[in-house]
Amino acid sequence: MTYDGKLLARARAALDVQREANQAEQQRRMLRVYQEIPEIELIDRTLRSHMAELVKLTLSRPSDLKDRLAALQDRNLDLQMRRAELLTEHGYSIDYLDEIVSCPRCRDTGYDGTEVCDCLKRRYNLELTKELSGLLRNGDESFDHFDLSLYPAVPDTETGCIPREAMEAVFAGCKKFALNFPDVSSNLLLRGGTGLGKTYLSACIARVVAEKGYSVCYDSASVALEAFERQKFSRDSEESEIAGIKVSRMLSCDLMILDDLGTEMVTPMSVSALYTLINTRLNECRRTIISTNCSDEELARRYTPQICSRIHGEFLELPFYGEDIRRLRRKK
């Protein structure tokens, strides 16, 4: 995975804050115990002096080094046992004064050897999601807030389906996808008219997936596909570099949400970019959600057979029904 230096710095800063909080808590515990049990402070000082003595013995290497090291070890064990007894006698756990770490694997450094630790990856993914998930800025995108009562409970005169029942199934499918991610078997195609909740439910999915620590990219089709064009053709090197970073994120993130497919201007470049985005993610088994107002016929007119084949074959369609929710809310 290629990391954006700016976002990685933010993630490391957040990790530093957590590490400092852990250190402050450990210091608070130590001061409390030292005040309550002065003998433990004396033991800790003695153990530290033994460490200095150990270093001195190792460097000087006296003739009786082995015996003196054994004696030092015995004294340390006796002191540690006494320390544990004092802690338990006063109602503390044996490890109460141990170093506090949030991640035992990297001990809050963010790195496991030379590899980026999973804890830092999770923080990086959260920063990545904040950067790109513009639709999450409203703060109310939640499955708990999705109002199924806005969908009619009577059959539609044209299709014969009952919108509320159909949307209950759509809602359940979106929620199941979010809760089970990344162990999901398909990509999603959210299809339906304007104002039926496609953007809202995809944002709900994005929020749940991001909160689980996975990277989410969320953008409209027009903005997302434009980044491919700017990366390739922009004469501004800085603009091209920024677009390149964005393209890399969209190709490699755990979940890509492409909103409003079909509203962008169709050009040979945009069609090529869409194919690259969908095909690359499919080949790398990365999940994608597409929302669109377009029917199969409209998709076939706008895009190539290769793109349509991948959408039809690799995406589970969730059809949206009902009336424009925005208009209904304005009436209320």
Protein backbone atom coordinates (compact mmCIF):
# COMPACT_ATOMS: atom_id res chain seq x y z
CA MET A 1 0.00 0.00 0.00
CA THR A 2 1.25 3.49 -0.92
CA TYR A 3 0.84 5.97 1.93
CA ASP A 4 0.11 9.67 1.65
CA GLY A 5 2.78 11.34 3.82
CA LYS A 6 0.41 14.05 5.06
CA LEU A 7 -2.24 11.58 6.18
CA LEU A 8 0.34 9.21 7.66
CA ALA A 9 1.73 12.12 9.71
CA ARG A 10 -1.77 12.82 11.05
CA ALA A 11 -2.22 9.16 11.94
CA ARG A 12 1.14 9.08 13.74
CA ALA A 13 0.24 12.27 15.61
CA ALA A 14 -2.98 10.63 16.80
CA LEU A 15 -0.98 7.62 17.91
CA ASP A 16 1.43 9.92 19.77
CA VAL A 17 -1.51 11.46 21.64
CA GLN A 18 -2.70 8.01 22.70
CA ARG A 19 0.80 7.00 23.79
CA GLU A 20 1.20 10.20 25.84
CA ALA A 21 -2.17 9.57 27.49
CA ASN A 22 -1.09 6.04 28.42
CA GLN A 23 2.19 7.34 29.84
CA ALA A 24 0.33 9.98 31.85
CA GLU A 25 -1.98 7.33 33.26
CA GLN A 26 0.95 5.12 34.21
CA GLN A 27 2.62 8.08 35.95
CA ARG A 28 -0.61 8.85 37.82
CA ARG A 29 -0.82 5.27 39.03
CA MET A 30 2.80 5.29 40.11
CA LEU A 31 2.45 8.47 42.16
CA ARG A 32 -0.68 7.12 43.82
CA VAL A 33 0.96 3.83 44.79
CA TYR A 34 4.18 5.49 45.95
CA GLN A 35 2.22 7.76 48.27
CA GLU A 36 0.16 4.88 49.61
CA ILE A 37 2.95 2.26 49.75
CA PRO A 38 6.38 3.98 50.16
CA GLU A 39 8.15 0.63 50.28
CA ILE A 40 7.30 0.03 46.62
CA GLU A 41 9.02 3.27 45.62
CA LEU A 42 12.11 2.11 47.51
CA ILE A 43 11.95 -1.28 45.76
CA ASP A 44 11.70 0.36 42.35
CA ARG A 45 14.70 2.58 43.10
CA THR A 46 16.69 -0.47 44.18
CA LEU A 47 15.72 -2.38 41.04
CA ARG A 48 16.90 0.55 38.92
CA SER A 49 20.19 0.62 40.78
CA HIS A 50 20.55 -3.09 40.14
CA MET A 51 20.18 -2.39 36.43
CA ALA A 52 23.04 0.09 36.59
CA GLU A 53 25.08 -2.46 38.53
CA LEU A 54 24.34 -5.09 35.88
CA VAL A 55 25.67 -2.80 33.14
CA LYS A 56 28.78 -2.04 35.19
CA LEU A 57 29.46 -5.74 35.81
CA THR A 58 28.97 -6.59 32.14
CA LEU A 59 31.47 -3.94 31.07
CA SER A 60 34.11 -4.65 33.75
CA ARG A 61 33.76 -8.48 33.52
CA PRO A 62 35.30 -9.37 36.95
CA SER A 63 36.60 -12.89 37.54
CA ASP A 64 33.55 -13.79 39.67
CA LEU A 65 31.09 -12.33 37.13
CA LYS A 66 28.90 -15.42 36.97
CA ASP A 67 28.43 -15.62 40.76
CA ARG A 68 27.76 -11.90 41.11
CA LEU A 69 25.19 -11.95 38.28
CA ALA A 70 23.42 -14.91 39.92
CA ALA A 71 23.33 -13.10 43.28
CA LEU A 72 21.99 -9.96 41.59
CA GLN A 73 19.28 -11.98 39.88
CA ASP A 74 18.26 -13.59 43.19
CA ARG A 75 17.97 -10.17 44.86
CA ASN A 76 15.88 -8.91 41.95
CA LEU A 77 13.52 -11.87 42.17
CA ASP A 78 13.08 -11.36 45.93
CA LEU A 79 12.34 -7.68 45.42
CA GLN A 80 9.86 -8.38 42.62
CA MET A 81 8.05 -10.94 44.76
CA ARG A 82 7.85 -8.48 47.66
CA ARG A 83 6.58 -5.79 45.29
CA ALA A 84 3.83 -8.11 44.02
CA GLU A 85 2.84 -9.02 47.59
CA LEU A 86 2.53 -5.36 48.56
CA LEU A 87 0.40 -4.53 45.52
CA THR A 88 -2.04 -7.41 46.12
CA GLU A 89 -2.20 -6.70 49.86
CA HIS A 90 -3.39 -3.17 49.07
CA GLY A 91 -5.95 -4.26 46.49
CA TYR A 92 -3.98 -3.68 43.27
CA SER A 93 -3.29 -6.15 40.49
CA ILE A 94 0.29 -7.37 40.11
CA ASP A 95 0.62 -5.55 36.76
CA TYR A 96 -0.98 -2.30 37.95
CA LEU A 97 2.26 -0.34 37.57
CA ASP A 98 3.35 -2.00 34.31
CA GLU A 99 3.76 0.02 31.14
CA ILE A 100 0.37 0.80 29.57
CA VAL A 101 0.15 0.19 25.82
CA SER A 102 -2.86 0.23 23.49
CA CYS A 103 -1.20 -2.08 20.97
CA PRO A 104 0.87 -4.95 22.41
CA ARG A 105 2.20 -5.77 18.95
CA CYS A 106 4.10 -2.52 18.33
CA ARG A 107 3.86 -1.07 21.87
CA ASP A 108 2.30 2.10 20.42
CA THR A 109 5.21 2.92 18.14
CA GLY A 110 3.16 2.31 14.99
CA TYR A 111 5.75 -0.07 13.54
CA ASP A 112 6.29 -3.80 13.92
CA GLY A 113 9.94 -3.99 12.95
CA THR A 114 10.08 -2.21 9.61
CA GLU A 115 6.41 -2.86 8.79
CA VAL A 116 3.56 -0.46 9.49
CA CYS A 117 1.54 -1.93 12.36
CA ASP A 118 -2.18 -2.62 11.97
CA CYS A 119 -2.97 -0.03 14.66
CA LEU A 120 -1.32 2.72 12.60
CA LYS A 121 -2.99 1.41 9.44
CA ARG A 122 -6.38 1.76 11.13
CA ARG A 123 -5.64 5.34 12.11
CA TYR A 124 -4.37 6.06 8.60
CA ASN A 125 -7.57 4.64 7.12
CA LEU A 126 -9.64 6.90 9.36
CA GLU A 127 -7.64 9.93 8.20
CA LEU A 128 -8.06 8.79 4.59
CA THR A 129 -11.80 8.49 5.07
CA LYS A 130 -12.02 11.96 6.62
CA GLU A 131 -10.14 13.36 3.65
CA LEU A 132 -12.25 11.79 0.93
CA SER A 133 -15.65 10.99 2.39
CA GLY A 134 -17.26 14.36 1.81
CA LEU A 135 -20.76 12.96 2.24
CA LEU A 136 -19.99 12.01 5.84
CA ARG A 137 -19.61 15.64 6.89
CA ASN A 138 -23.32 16.03 7.72
CA GLY A 139 -22.92 13.85 10.76
CA ASP A 140 -26.38 12.23 10.71
CA GLU A 141 -25.81 9.42 8.24
CA SER A 142 -26.84 6.44 10.32
CA PHE A 143 -28.91 3.33 9.76
CA ASP A 144 -30.75 4.26 12.96
CA HIS A 145 -31.94 7.49 11.34
CA PHE A 146 -33.18 5.95 8.09
CA ASP A 147 -36.96 6.48 7.98
CA LEU A 148 -38.79 3.69 6.16
CA SER A 149 -42.13 5.38 6.87
CA LEU A 150 -41.32 7.85 4.06
CA TYR A 151 -41.88 5.05 1.54
CA PRO A 152 -45.47 4.23 0.51
CA ALA A 153 -46.98 1.08 2.00
CA VAL A 154 -49.41 0.63 -0.93
CA PRO A 155 -48.64 -0.99 -4.31
CA ASP A 156 -47.16 1.22 -7.00
CA THR A 157 -49.60 1.65 -9.88
CA GLU A 158 -46.92 1.03 -12.52
CA THR A 159 -44.71 -1.68 -11.05
CA GLY A 160 -47.17 -3.31 -8.65
CA CYS A 161 -44.51 -3.52 -5.93
CA ILE A 162 -44.97 -2.05 -2.46
CA PRO A 163 -42.14 0.52 -2.04
CA ARG A 164 -41.88 0.17 1.72
CA GLU A 165 -41.50 -3.60 1.55
CA ALA A 166 -38.95 -3.29 -1.26
CA MET A 167 -37.00 -0.68 0.69
CA GLU A 168 -37.04 -2.81 3.83
CA ALA A 169 -35.14 -5.43 1.81
CA VAL A 170 -32.76 -2.78 0.42
CA PHE A 171 -32.16 -1.38 3.90
CA ALA A 172 -31.44 -4.86 5.28
CA GLY A 173 -29.04 -5.57 2.39
CA CYS A 174 -27.09 -2.34 2.91
CA LYS A 175 -26.87 -2.84 6.67
CA LYS A 176 -25.76 -6.46 6.29
CA PHE A 177 -23.05 -5.37 3.83
CA ALA A 178 -21.75 -2.74 6.26
CA LEU A 179 -21.80 -4.95 9.35
CA ASN A 180 -20.19 -7.94 7.60
CA PHE A 181 -17.54 -5.96 5.73
CA PRO A 182 -14.97 -7.05 4.58
CA ASP A 183 -16.47 -10.56 4.57
CA VAL A 184 -19.01 -9.78 1.87
CA SER A 185 -19.51 -11.83 -1.28
CA SER A 186 -20.42 -9.12 -3.77
CA ASN A 187 -20.21 -5.48 -4.78
CA LEU A 188 -23.39 -3.37 -4.68
CA LEU A 189 -25.29 -1.49 -7.37
CA LEU A 190 -27.80 0.93 -5.83
CA ARG A 191 -30.24 1.83 -8.60
CA GLY A 192 -33.29 4.07 -8.60
CA GLY A 193 -34.68 7.53 -9.24
CA THR A 194 -33.56 10.80 -7.69
CA GLY A 195 -34.16 11.35 -3.98
CA LEU A 196 -34.87 7.75 -2.99
CA GLY A 197 -32.04 7.41 -0.45
CA LYS A 198 -29.20 5.89 -2.49
CA THR A 199 -26.67 8.51 -1.41
CA TYR A 200 -27.84 8.41 2.21
CA LEU A 201 -27.62 4.62 2.55
CA SER A 202 -24.25 4.47 0.82
CA ALA A 203 -23.03 7.11 3.30
CA CYS A 204 -24.39 4.97 6.15
CA ILE A 205 -22.35 2.05 4.83
CA ALA A 206 -19.27 4.25 4.52
CA ARG A 207 -19.58 5.42 8.13
CA VAL A 208 -19.87 1.90 9.56
CA VAL A 209 -17.04 0.53 7.43
CA ALA A 210 -14.76 3.49 8.26
CA GLU A 211 -15.47 3.17 11.99
CA LYS A 212 -14.31 -0.46 11.76
CA GLY A 213 -10.94 0.86 10.60
CA TYR A 214 -11.17 0.20 6.86
CA SER A 215 -10.29 2.81 4.24
CA VAL A 216 -13.23 4.29 2.36
CA CYS A 217 -13.21 6.56 -0.70
CA TYR A 218 -16.50 8.25 -1.45
CA ASP A 219 -16.97 10.56 -4.41
CA SER A 220 -19.33 11.42 -7.21
CA ALA A 221 -18.59 9.79 -10.54
CA SER A 222 -17.85 13.15 -12.15
CA VAL A 223 -15.23 14.13 -9.55
CA ALA A 224 -13.70 10.66 -9.29
CA LEU A 225 -13.27 10.12 -13.02
CA GLU A 226 -11.99 13.66 -13.52
CA ALA A 227 -9.04 12.80 -11.27
CA PHE A 228 -7.88 10.20 -13.80
CA GLU A 229 -7.92 12.84 -16.53
CA ARG A 230 -6.04 15.40 -14.44
CA GLN A 231 -3.44 12.85 -13.47
CA LYS A 232 -2.74 12.10 -17.12
CA PHE A 233 -3.19 15.43 -18.89
CA SER A 234 -2.75 18.29 -16.39
CA ARG A 235 0.14 20.63 -17.24
CA ASP A 236 0.34 21.66 -13.59
CA SER A 237 2.73 19.21 -11.93
CA GLU A 238 1.28 19.81 -8.46
CA GLU A 239 -2.28 19.30 -9.69
CA SER A 240 -1.21 16.14 -11.50
CA GLU A 241 0.49 14.81 -8.35
CA ILE A 242 -2.58 15.49 -6.19
CA ALA A 243 -4.80 13.79 -8.75
CA GLY A 244 -2.40 10.85 -8.87
CA ILE A 245 -2.63 10.40 -5.10
CA LYS A 246 -6.41 10.46 -5.33
CA VAL A 247 -6.45 7.89 -8.12
CA SER A 248 -4.13 5.65 -6.11
CA ARG A 249 -6.46 5.87 -3.13
CA MET A 250 -9.52 5.02 -5.20
CA LEU A 251 -7.81 2.00 -6.71
CA SER A 252 -6.40 0.65 -3.44
CA CYS A 253 -8.90 1.59 -0.70
CA ASP A 254 -10.86 -1.17 1.02
CA LEU A 255 -14.21 0.23 -0.12
CA MET A 256 -14.83 2.57 -3.06
CA ILE A 257 -18.24 4.27 -3.30
CA LEU A 258 -18.94 5.83 -6.69
CA ASP A 259 -22.00 8.04 -6.38
CA ASP A 260 -24.32 9.18 -9.18
CA LEU A 261 -22.80 7.20 -12.03
CA GLY A 262 -24.31 8.54 -15.24
CA THR A 263 -24.34 12.21 -14.26
CA GLU A 264 -20.76 12.80 -15.44
CA MET A 265 -19.88 13.97 -18.94
CA VAL A 266 -19.14 10.90 -21.03
CA THR A 267 -15.85 11.12 -22.94
CA PRO A 268 -13.42 8.46 -24.15
CA MET A 269 -11.22 9.38 -21.20
CA SER A 270 -14.01 9.08 -18.60
CA VAL A 271 -15.10 5.72 -20.01
CA SER A 272 -11.51 4.47 -19.94
CA ALA A 273 -11.12 5.71 -16.36
CA LEU A 274 -14.34 4.00 -15.27
CA TYR A 275 -13.19 0.71 -16.79
CA THR A 276 -9.80 1.02 -15.08
CA LEU A 277 -11.39 1.77 -11.72
CA ILE A 278 -13.93 -1.06 -11.84
CA ASN A 279 -11.68 -3.66 -13.44
CA THR A 280 -8.65 -2.98 -11.23
CA ARG A 281 -10.70 -3.25 -8.07
CA LEU A 282 -12.39 -6.44 -9.25
CA ASN A 283 -9.04 -8.02 -10.10
CA GLU A 284 -7.70 -7.14 -6.65
CA CYS A 285 -10.90 -8.31 -4.89
CA ARG A 286 -11.61 -4.85 -3.46
CA ARG A 287 -15.27 -4.03 -2.87
CA THR A 288 -17.08 -1.25 -4.73
CA ILE A 289 -20.51 0.36 -4.42
CA ILE A 290 -22.04 2.20 -7.38
CA SER A 291 -25.20 4.28 -7.20
CA THR A 292 -26.99 5.35 -10.35
CA ASN A 293 -30.28 6.60 -11.76
CA CYS A 294 -29.58 4.84 -15.06
CA SER A 295 -31.45 1.83 -16.37
CA ASP A 296 -29.63 -1.05 -18.06
CA GLU A 297 -30.45 0.48 -21.43
CA GLU A 298 -29.01 3.85 -20.42
CA LEU A 299 -25.84 2.25 -19.07
CA ALA A 300 -25.46 0.34 -22.34
CA ARG A 301 -25.76 3.57 -24.34
CA ARG A 302 -23.23 5.43 -22.22
CA TYR A 303 -20.57 2.81 -21.55
CA THR A 304 -18.76 -0.04 -23.25
CA PRO A 305 -19.96 -3.66 -23.20
CA GLN A 306 -16.93 -4.52 -21.05
CA ILE A 307 -18.03 -2.08 -18.34
CA CYS A 308 -21.68 -3.15 -18.47
CA SER A 309 -20.69 -6.81 -18.34
CA ARG A 310 -18.69 -6.27 -15.18
CA ILE A 311 -21.47 -4.29 -13.52
CA HIS A 312 -24.10 -6.89 -14.40
CA GLY A 313 -21.93 -9.86 -13.49
CA GLU A 314 -20.08 -8.66 -10.40
CA PHE A 315 -22.52 -6.31 -8.63
CA LEU A 316 -25.60 -7.22 -6.60
CA GLU A 317 -28.39 -4.83 -7.63
CA LEU A 318 -30.54 -3.25 -4.93
CA PRO A 319 -33.43 -1.44 -6.66
CA PHE A 320 -34.85 1.62 -4.89
CA TYR A 321 -38.57 2.46 -5.06
CA GLY A 322 -40.82 5.25 -3.81
CA GLU A 323 -41.19 8.99 -4.15
CA ASP A 324 -38.57 11.73 -3.91
CA ILE A 325 -37.88 11.90 -0.16
CA ARG A 326 -36.54 15.46 -0.34
CA ARG A 327 -39.79 16.63 -1.88
CA LEU A 328 -41.85 14.75 0.70
CA ARG A 329 -39.89 16.34 3.54
CA ARG A 330 -40.38 19.79 2.08
CA LYS A 331 -44.15 19.17 2.02
CA LYS A 332 -44.05 18.21 5.69
